[in-house]
Amino acid sequence: FLNLGDTEWTVEGSVRDPARPILNARLAPDIVSLEALAAISPVLKEHAVSGRVEIKELSLAGRLGTIRKSAGLKARVASKDLTVHGTSVKGMYGQAIYGDQKLTIDPVVIQPTTGMISAVFSADFSEAYLQKDLHQYFGTLQIDHVDLGEFLRLASPRLEGKARGIADANLAFRGTGLAWPEAAATLEAKARVFLN
């Protein structure tokens, strides 16, 4: 087990053939304190994340010697009383699946006080897709009638009070090659922002 503050995770697994060890681990469903994780995670600490998330499923399997190529990962989480920079986040749900060197995070939904933010991300890390001119990254972000002040506060407290109004936006990217700058160069965005 792994003990993080008020959360104790139990992991079960087995190794059948010592010559070709295969990891097969599953985390028992549990509720995790984000304050405990923030103590060891700079990202969570930076964004002042607090509250709890419920682990619906978390399993990892693969050959230990070639875990990157053979891993199969499934994870599902749901928020209980999540806050970011003091802003309550309702209806957050996340699912990640990794297998056959393909990663899909679908969907990640965050619902602040008003409106909804949803995102879908996928990537292919197999050798065929690491070649030039083949798409490796895909992603979309949709902001639907979100209070701009709440959205900026979620992103960073330094932006709080910079703008007021309602935001509707649709953003998509499709990357080529290996480097993120190449993926960023394919960014397409459409947005409507109503300011007052």
Protein backbone atom coordinates (compact mmCIF):
# COMPACT_ATOMS: atom_id res chain seq x y z
CA PHE A 1 0.00 0.00 0.00
CA LEU A 2 0.96 3.62 -0.45
CA ASN A 3 -0.10 5.97 2.33
CA LEU A 4 -0.61 9.66 1.44
CA GLY A 5 -1.94 11.54 4.42
CA ASP A 6 -5.51 10.38 4.97
CA THR A 7 -5.49 8.16 1.88
CA GLU A 8 -4.23 4.60 1.76
CA TRP A 9 -3.97 2.97 -1.67
CA THR A 10 -3.92 -0.81 -1.99
CA VAL A 11 -2.25 -2.24 -5.09
CA GLU A 12 -2.53 -5.85 -6.16
CA GLY A 13 -0.42 -7.53 -8.84
CA SER A 14 1.49 -10.65 -9.84
CA VAL A 15 4.62 -11.85 -11.63
CA ARG A 16 4.19 -15.30 -13.20
CA ASP A 17 7.43 -15.73 -15.14
CA PRO A 18 10.57 -14.22 -13.52
CA ALA A 19 12.41 -14.46 -16.84
CA ARG A 20 9.79 -12.27 -18.56
CA PRO A 21 8.22 -10.31 -15.69
CA ILE A 22 4.82 -8.84 -16.47
CA LEU A 23 3.39 -6.09 -14.35
CA ASN A 24 -0.32 -6.47 -13.67
CA ALA A 25 -1.42 -4.01 -11.02
CA ARG A 26 -4.81 -2.60 -10.09
CA LEU A 27 -5.51 0.12 -7.58
CA ALA A 28 -8.52 -0.41 -5.36
CA PRO A 29 -11.15 2.34 -5.87
CA ASP A 30 -10.63 5.06 -3.31
CA ILE A 31 -11.08 8.75 -2.57
CA VAL A 32 -7.83 10.71 -2.71
CA SER A 33 -7.07 13.91 -0.84
CA LEU A 34 -5.60 16.44 -3.28
CA GLU A 35 -4.00 18.35 -0.42
CA ALA A 36 -1.91 15.27 0.33
CA LEU A 37 -0.91 14.95 -3.33
CA ALA A 38 -0.12 18.69 -3.57
CA ALA A 39 2.56 18.17 -0.94
CA ILE A 40 4.54 16.11 -3.48
CA SER A 41 3.25 17.63 -6.74
CA PRO A 42 4.50 21.10 -7.76
CA VAL A 43 1.74 21.41 -10.40
CA LEU A 44 -1.10 20.82 -7.94
CA LYS A 45 0.56 23.17 -5.46
CA GLU A 46 1.04 25.91 -8.05
CA HIS A 47 -2.65 25.85 -9.01
CA ALA A 48 -3.83 25.71 -5.39
CA VAL A 49 -5.81 22.53 -6.03
CA SER A 50 -7.74 21.22 -3.06
CA GLY A 51 -10.60 18.84 -2.35
CA ARG A 52 -10.91 15.19 -3.23
CA VAL A 53 -11.12 13.02 -6.32
CA GLU A 54 -12.63 9.58 -6.48
CA ILE A 55 -10.62 6.93 -8.30
CA LYS A 56 -13.10 4.85 -10.26
CA GLU A 57 -10.48 2.70 -11.96
CA LEU A 58 -6.69 2.63 -12.20
CA SER A 59 -4.90 -0.34 -13.69
CA LEU A 60 -1.51 -0.82 -15.36
CA ALA A 61 -0.22 -3.91 -17.14
CA GLY A 62 2.77 -4.63 -19.36
CA ARG A 63 6.16 -6.30 -19.70
CA LEU A 64 8.62 -4.61 -17.35
CA GLY A 65 11.50 -4.61 -19.84
CA THR A 66 9.47 -2.87 -22.54
CA ILE A 67 6.86 -1.04 -20.53
CA ARG A 68 6.64 1.92 -22.94
CA LYS A 69 5.68 -0.32 -25.85
CA SER A 70 3.66 -2.91 -23.99
CA ALA A 71 1.85 -0.94 -21.30
CA GLY A 72 -1.89 -0.91 -20.98
CA LEU A 73 -3.17 1.85 -18.70
CA LYS A 74 -6.76 2.63 -17.73
CA ALA A 75 -7.68 5.42 -15.35
CA ARG A 76 -10.97 7.09 -14.44
CA VAL A 77 -11.45 9.78 -11.83
CA ALA A 78 -14.31 12.00 -10.69
CA SER A 79 -14.19 15.06 -8.44
CA LYS A 80 -15.96 15.28 -5.10
CA ASP A 81 -15.36 18.81 -3.78
CA LEU A 82 -12.61 20.07 -6.08
CA THR A 83 -11.46 23.71 -5.95
CA VAL A 84 -8.80 25.48 -8.03
CA HIS A 85 -7.52 28.83 -6.72
CA GLY A 86 -10.54 28.90 -4.45
CA THR A 87 -13.00 28.46 -7.35
CA SER A 88 -15.35 25.51 -7.00
CA VAL A 89 -15.22 23.08 -9.93
CA LYS A 90 -18.32 20.96 -10.46
CA GLY A 91 -18.81 17.88 -12.62
CA MET A 92 -15.14 17.19 -13.32
CA TYR A 93 -14.63 13.75 -14.83
CA GLY A 94 -11.52 12.36 -16.46
CA GLN A 95 -10.64 9.17 -18.30
CA ALA A 96 -7.27 8.12 -19.71
CA ILE A 97 -6.52 5.02 -21.75
CA TYR A 98 -3.07 4.04 -23.00
CA GLY A 99 -2.43 0.92 -25.03
CA ASP A 100 -0.66 -0.12 -28.23
CA GLN A 101 1.41 3.08 -27.77
CA LYS A 102 -1.67 5.25 -28.23
CA LEU A 103 -2.85 7.63 -25.52
CA THR A 104 -6.39 8.97 -25.31
CA ILE A 105 -7.70 11.34 -22.65
CA ASP A 106 -11.39 11.53 -23.38
CA PRO A 107 -13.19 13.40 -22.08
CA VAL A 108 -11.97 15.82 -19.46
CA VAL A 109 -14.92 17.94 -18.43
CA ILE A 110 -14.76 20.85 -16.00
CA GLN A 111 -17.90 22.72 -15.12
CA PRO A 112 -17.26 25.96 -13.19
CA THR A 113 -19.99 28.09 -11.63
CA THR A 114 -21.49 28.79 -15.06
CA GLY A 115 -20.95 27.16 -18.44
CA MET A 116 -18.78 24.18 -19.29
CA ILE A 117 -15.22 23.51 -20.44
CA SER A 118 -14.51 20.22 -22.21
CA ALA A 119 -11.33 18.84 -23.77
CA VAL A 120 -10.26 15.78 -25.73
CA PHE A 121 -6.62 14.85 -26.33
CA SER A 122 -5.01 11.92 -28.12
CA ALA A 123 -1.51 11.04 -29.30
CA ASP A 124 0.16 8.17 -31.11
CA PHE A 125 3.65 7.19 -29.94
CA SER A 126 4.15 4.13 -32.14
CA GLU A 127 7.13 4.01 -34.49
CA ALA A 128 5.03 4.50 -37.63
CA TYR A 129 3.68 7.78 -36.29
CA LEU A 130 7.05 9.11 -35.16
CA GLN A 131 7.97 9.71 -38.78
CA LYS A 132 7.91 13.18 -40.29
CA ASP A 133 4.63 14.46 -41.78
CA LEU A 134 2.43 11.94 -39.99
CA HIS A 135 0.01 13.28 -37.42
CA GLN A 136 1.04 12.55 -33.87
CA TYR A 137 -1.05 14.90 -31.72
CA PHE A 138 -4.75 15.69 -31.83
CA GLY A 139 -6.77 17.83 -29.49
CA THR A 140 -9.84 19.96 -29.06
CA LEU A 141 -10.92 22.38 -26.36
CA GLN A 142 -14.43 23.77 -26.12
CA ILE A 143 -15.52 26.59 -23.83
CA ASP A 144 -19.27 26.97 -23.73
CA HIS A 145 -20.80 30.06 -22.17
CA VAL A 146 -18.23 30.26 -19.38
CA ASP A 147 -17.97 33.31 -17.15
CA LEU A 148 -14.64 34.80 -18.26
CA GLY A 149 -13.71 35.95 -14.76
CA GLU A 150 -14.17 32.43 -13.38
CA PHE A 151 -12.20 30.94 -16.27
CA LEU A 152 -9.25 33.33 -15.79
CA ARG A 153 -9.29 32.69 -12.05
CA LEU A 154 -9.14 28.93 -12.69
CA ALA A 155 -6.18 29.42 -15.04
CA SER A 156 -4.19 31.70 -12.74
CA PRO A 157 -4.95 34.06 -9.85
CA ARG A 158 -2.72 36.65 -11.53
CA LEU A 159 -5.35 37.02 -14.27
CA GLU A 160 -8.22 37.61 -11.87
CA GLY A 161 -10.09 40.84 -12.56
CA LYS A 162 -8.44 41.33 -15.97
CA ALA A 163 -11.66 40.82 -17.96
CA ARG A 164 -15.36 40.28 -17.39
CA GLY A 165 -17.94 38.74 -19.66
CA ILE A 166 -18.85 35.45 -21.30
CA ALA A 167 -16.58 33.27 -23.46
CA ASP A 168 -17.54 30.75 -26.14
CA ALA A 169 -14.55 29.19 -27.88
CA ASN A 170 -13.59 26.20 -29.96
CA LEU A 171 -9.90 25.36 -30.29
CA ALA A 172 -8.30 22.44 -32.15
CA PHE A 173 -4.78 21.34 -33.00
CA ARG A 174 -3.27 18.62 -35.13
CA GLY A 175 0.49 18.13 -34.82
CA THR A 176 3.08 16.71 -37.18
CA GLY A 177 6.54 15.41 -36.44
CA LEU A 178 8.13 15.05 -33.03
CA ALA A 179 8.27 18.49 -31.47
CA TRP A 180 5.46 20.33 -29.72
CA PRO A 181 6.29 23.65 -31.53
CA GLU A 182 5.34 21.91 -34.77
CA ALA A 183 2.05 20.82 -33.22
CA ALA A 184 1.43 24.33 -31.90
CA ALA A 185 1.98 25.70 -35.42
CA THR A 186 -1.12 23.83 -36.60
CA LEU A 187 -3.35 25.46 -34.01
CA GLU A 188 -6.79 26.49 -35.16
CA ALA A 189 -9.04 28.56 -32.93
CA LYS A 190 -12.46 30.15 -33.10
CA ALA A 191 -13.79 32.23 -30.25
CA ARG A 192 -16.54 34.62 -29.31
CA VAL A 193 -15.97 36.69 -26.21
CA PHE A 194 -18.53 39.16 -24.90
CA LEU A 195 -16.92 41.72 -22.59
CA ASN A 196 -18.43 44.29 -20.30
